[in-house]
Amino acid sequence: MSHIDMIDKIIEIVPSKYAIATRGLTMTEDIFSCHFPKFPILPGVLMLQAVNELSERLIAKSENADNKKTTICLKEMGKVKFYKYCRPGDTLKICVKIVKKEKKKIFLSGKIERDNNKVFQVKKIIYEID
């Protein structure tokens, strides 16, 4: 699992279906001192990371992998679109859902919203489980 923590609070996890979490952004976060000091915005890669972290938690619950030696491996993220900036003071709502499962692959989609407006979307997320 990931070592960066982009999730503040899990709101809901429904195994094999979906998960919702939140993340509050504050000016005290190190990333905003360099990205960009006069107009701080959350880097897109950290939006991908937030969706990745929540996806891994949903898959772990769905596969009962919390207490087993199950490997959850991100294979692909695609069809990504950024709609708006995320800035200090924003509270982000991160949502992921399982679209389908085939043998050892799980397909998901995800989005991030701020004030009920979509700021980020990824339509294709593929994980392998072993």
C-alpha atoms as a PDB file:
ATOM      1  CA  MET A   1       0.000   0.000   0.000  1.00  0.00           C
ATOM      2  CA  SER A   2       0.976   3.630  -0.422  1.00  0.00           C
ATOM      3  CA  HIS A   3       3.075   5.624   2.045  1.00  0.00           C
ATOM      4  CA  ILE A   4       1.793   9.125   1.233  1.00  0.00           C
ATOM      5  CA  ASP A   5      -1.365   9.923   3.172  1.00  0.00           C
ATOM      6  CA  MET A   6      -3.823  11.863   1.023  1.00  0.00           C
ATOM      7  CA  ILE A   7      -6.898  10.679   2.946  1.00  0.00           C
ATOM      8  CA  ASP A   8      -8.017  12.471   6.116  1.00  0.00           C
ATOM      9  CA  LYS A   9     -11.226  10.571   6.805  1.00  0.00           C
ATOM     10  CA  ILE A  10     -13.041   7.582   5.331  1.00  0.00           C
ATOM     11  CA  ILE A  11     -16.726   8.473   5.086  1.00  0.00           C
ATOM     12  CA  GLU A  12     -18.008   5.161   3.751  1.00  0.00           C
ATOM     13  CA  ILE A  13     -16.741   1.905   2.272  1.00  0.00           C
ATOM     14  CA  VAL A  14     -19.197  -0.543   0.721  1.00  0.00           C
ATOM     15  CA  PRO A  15     -17.107  -3.625  -0.188  1.00  0.00           C
ATOM     16  CA  SER A  16     -17.176  -4.580  -3.877  1.00  0.00           C
ATOM     17  CA  LYS A  17     -19.031  -1.341  -4.713  1.00  0.00           C
ATOM     18  CA  TYR A  18     -17.630   2.070  -3.717  1.00  0.00           C
ATOM     19  CA  ALA A  19     -15.762   4.198  -1.187  1.00  0.00           C
ATOM     20  CA  ILE A  20     -15.922   7.872  -0.189  1.00  0.00           C
ATOM     21  CA  ALA A  21     -13.315   9.860   1.753  1.00  0.00           C
ATOM     22  CA  THR A  22     -12.342  13.465   2.439  1.00  0.00           C
ATOM     23  CA  ARG A  23      -9.133  15.454   2.453  1.00  0.00           C
ATOM     24  CA  GLY A  24      -8.722  18.988   3.771  1.00  0.00           C
ATOM     25  CA  LEU A  25      -5.974  21.118   2.260  1.00  0.00           C
ATOM     26  CA  THR A  26      -4.102  23.596   4.465  1.00  0.00           C
ATOM     27  CA  MET A  27      -1.439  26.172   3.656  1.00  0.00           C
ATOM     28  CA  THR A  28       0.893  24.490   6.172  1.00  0.00           C
ATOM     29  CA  GLU A  29       1.453  21.518   3.852  1.00  0.00           C
ATOM     30  CA  ASP A  30       5.007  21.405   2.477  1.00  0.00           C
ATOM     31  CA  ILE A  31       3.913  21.026  -1.138  1.00  0.00           C
ATOM     32  CA  PHE A  32       2.347  24.496  -1.222  1.00  0.00           C
ATOM     33  CA  SER A  33       5.645  26.228  -0.419  1.00  0.00           C
ATOM     34  CA  CYS A  34       6.992  25.229  -3.832  1.00  0.00           C
ATOM     35  CA  HIS A  35       3.887  24.513  -5.913  1.00  0.00           C
ATOM     36  CA  PHE A  36       3.437  27.514  -6.342  1.00  0.00           C
ATOM     37  CA  PRO A  37       4.197  29.986  -3.521  1.00  0.00           C
ATOM     38  CA  LYS A  38       2.239  32.930  -4.967  1.00  0.00           C
ATOM     39  CA  PHE A  39      -0.649  30.793  -6.248  1.00  0.00           C
ATOM     40  CA  PRO A  40      -0.555  27.478  -4.349  1.00  0.00           C
ATOM     41  CA  ILE A  41      -2.322  24.555  -6.054  1.00  0.00           C
ATOM     42  CA  LEU A  42      -2.402  20.829  -5.366  1.00  0.00           C
ATOM     43  CA  PRO A  43      -0.312  18.956  -7.971  1.00  0.00           C
ATOM     44  CA  GLY A  44      -2.313  16.641 -10.198  1.00  0.00           C
ATOM     45  CA  VAL A  45      -0.141  13.691  -9.217  1.00  0.00           C
ATOM     46  CA  LEU A  46      -1.383  14.058  -5.616  1.00  0.00           C
ATOM     47  CA  MET A  47      -4.986  13.907  -6.863  1.00  0.00           C
ATOM     48  CA  LEU A  48      -4.058  10.630  -8.564  1.00  0.00           C
ATOM     49  CA  GLN A  49      -2.467   9.508  -5.293  1.00  0.00           C
ATOM     50  CA  ALA A  50      -5.644  10.261  -3.306  1.00  0.00           C
ATOM     51  CA  VAL A  51      -7.723   8.153  -5.708  1.00  0.00           C
ATOM     52  CA  ASN A  52      -5.061   5.417  -5.587  1.00  0.00           C
ATOM     53  CA  GLU A  53      -5.062   5.287  -1.771  1.00  0.00           C
ATOM     54  CA  LEU A  54      -8.847   5.084  -1.543  1.00  0.00           C
ATOM     55  CA  SER A  55      -8.958   2.452  -4.317  1.00  0.00           C
ATOM     56  CA  GLU A  56      -6.447   0.292  -2.431  1.00  0.00           C
ATOM     57  CA  ARG A  57      -8.525   0.517   0.757  1.00  0.00           C
ATOM     58  CA  LEU A  58     -11.717  -0.404  -1.101  1.00  0.00           C
ATOM     59  CA  ILE A  59     -10.035  -3.385  -2.775  1.00  0.00           C
ATOM     60  CA  ALA A  60      -8.537  -4.544   0.543  1.00  0.00           C
ATOM     61  CA  LYS A  61     -12.008  -4.523   2.151  1.00  0.00           C
ATOM     62  CA  SER A  62     -13.621  -6.120  -0.908  1.00  0.00           C
ATOM     63  CA  GLU A  63     -11.070  -8.935  -1.083  1.00  0.00           C
ATOM     64  CA  ASN A  64     -10.829  -9.404   2.707  1.00  0.00           C
ATOM     65  CA  ALA A  65      -7.146  -8.585   2.254  1.00  0.00           C
ATOM     66  CA  ASP A  66      -6.698  -6.655   5.501  1.00  0.00           C
ATOM     67  CA  ASN A  67      -5.270  -9.631   7.392  1.00  0.00           C
ATOM     68  CA  LYS A  68      -3.869 -11.710   4.525  1.00  0.00           C
ATOM     69  CA  LYS A  69      -0.733 -11.574   2.438  1.00  0.00           C
ATOM     70  CA  THR A  70      -2.643 -10.240  -0.557  1.00  0.00           C
ATOM     71  CA  THR A  71      -0.781  -8.086  -3.045  1.00  0.00           C
ATOM     72  CA  ILE A  72      -2.743  -5.190  -4.537  1.00  0.00           C
ATOM     73  CA  CYS A  73      -0.822  -3.745  -7.487  1.00  0.00           C
ATOM     74  CA  LEU A  74      -1.819  -0.682  -9.497  1.00  0.00           C
ATOM     75  CA  LYS A  75      -1.330  -1.495 -13.183  1.00  0.00           C
ATOM     76  CA  GLU A  76      -2.860   1.440 -15.026  1.00  0.00           C
ATOM     77  CA  MET A  77      -4.651   4.773 -14.694  1.00  0.00           C
ATOM     78  CA  GLY A  78      -6.057   6.385 -17.802  1.00  0.00           C
ATOM     79  CA  LYS A  79      -8.704   8.683 -19.216  1.00  0.00           C
ATOM     80  CA  VAL A  80      -7.757  11.348 -16.670  1.00  0.00           C
ATOM     81  CA  LYS A  81      -9.231  14.845 -16.749  1.00  0.00           C
ATOM     82  CA  PHE A  82      -8.522  17.853 -14.542  1.00  0.00           C
ATOM     83  CA  TYR A  83     -11.359  20.395 -14.318  1.00  0.00           C
ATOM     84  CA  LYS A  84     -10.416  22.914 -11.609  1.00  0.00           C
ATOM     85  CA  TYR A  85      -7.586  23.851  -9.244  1.00  0.00           C
ATOM     86  CA  CYS A  86      -7.485  22.543  -5.672  1.00  0.00           C
ATOM     87  CA  ARG A  87      -6.090  25.117  -3.238  1.00  0.00           C
ATOM     88  CA  PRO A  88      -5.408  25.556   0.481  1.00  0.00           C
ATOM     89  CA  GLY A  89      -8.696  25.873   2.357  1.00  0.00           C
ATOM     90  CA  ASP A  90     -10.501  23.388   0.074  1.00  0.00           C
ATOM     91  CA  THR A  91     -12.098  20.227   1.414  1.00  0.00           C
ATOM     92  CA  LEU A  92     -11.993  17.500  -1.199  1.00  0.00           C
ATOM     93  CA  LYS A  93     -14.431  14.607  -1.494  1.00  0.00           C
ATOM     94  CA  ILE A  94     -12.736  11.562  -3.033  1.00  0.00           C
ATOM     95  CA  CYS A  95     -14.953   8.858  -4.552  1.00  0.00           C
ATOM     96  CA  VAL A  96     -14.037   5.551  -6.181  1.00  0.00           C
ATOM     97  CA  LYS A  97     -16.225   2.741  -7.458  1.00  0.00           C
ATOM     98  CA  ILE A  98     -15.601  -0.753  -8.708  1.00  0.00           C
ATOM     99  CA  VAL A  99     -16.765  -1.063 -12.304  1.00  0.00           C
ATOM    100  CA  LYS A 100     -16.035  -4.765 -12.844  1.00  0.00           C
ATOM    101  CA  LYS A 101     -13.861  -7.657 -11.768  1.00  0.00           C
ATOM    102  CA  GLU A 102     -12.212 -10.254 -14.017  1.00  0.00           C
ATOM    103  CA  LYS A 103     -10.203 -13.072 -12.496  1.00  0.00           C
ATOM    104  CA  LYS A 104      -7.292 -11.268 -10.783  1.00  0.00           C
ATOM    105  CA  LYS A 105      -8.057  -7.797 -12.171  1.00  0.00           C
ATOM    106  CA  ILE A 106     -10.287  -5.111 -10.697  1.00  0.00           C
ATOM    107  CA  PHE A 107     -11.442  -2.146 -12.780  1.00  0.00           C
ATOM    108  CA  LEU A 108     -12.442   1.088 -11.057  1.00  0.00           C
ATOM    109  CA  SER A 109     -13.228   4.723 -11.752  1.00  0.00           C
ATOM    110  CA  GLY A 110     -12.736   7.709  -9.481  1.00  0.00           C
ATOM    111  CA  LYS A 111     -13.372  11.392  -9.038  1.00  0.00           C
ATOM    112  CA  ILE A 112     -12.636  14.260  -6.695  1.00  0.00           C
ATOM    113  CA  GLU A 113     -15.177  16.979  -5.924  1.00  0.00           C
ATOM    114  CA  ARG A 114     -15.065  20.317  -4.126  1.00  0.00           C
ATOM    115  CA  ASP A 115     -18.369  21.899  -3.080  1.00  0.00           C
ATOM    116  CA  ASN A 116     -20.257  19.348  -5.228  1.00  0.00           C
ATOM    117  CA  ASN A 117     -18.254  20.359  -8.322  1.00  0.00           C
ATOM    118  CA  LYS A 118     -16.004  17.858 -10.076  1.00  0.00           C
ATOM    119  CA  VAL A 119     -12.343  18.936 -10.031  1.00  0.00           C
ATOM    120  CA  PHE A 120     -10.760  15.673 -11.226  1.00  0.00           C
ATOM    121  CA  GLN A 121     -11.848  12.439 -12.872  1.00  0.00           C
ATOM    122  CA  VAL A 122     -10.165   9.183 -13.829  1.00  0.00           C
ATOM    123  CA  LYS A 123     -12.332   6.778 -15.818  1.00  0.00           C
ATOM    124  CA  LYS A 124      -9.905   3.860 -16.037  1.00  0.00           C
ATOM    125  CA  ILE A 125      -8.081   2.355 -13.045  1.00  0.00           C
ATOM    126  CA  ILE A 126      -6.810  -1.225 -13.206  1.00  0.00           C
ATOM    127  CA  TYR A 127      -5.368  -3.218 -10.301  1.00  0.00           C
ATOM    128  CA  GLU A 128      -4.097  -6.782 -10.160  1.00  0.00           C
ATOM    129  CA  ILE A 129      -4.596  -8.835  -7.020  1.00  0.00           C
ATOM    130  CA  ASP A 130      -2.536 -11.831  -6.030  1.00  0.00           C
END
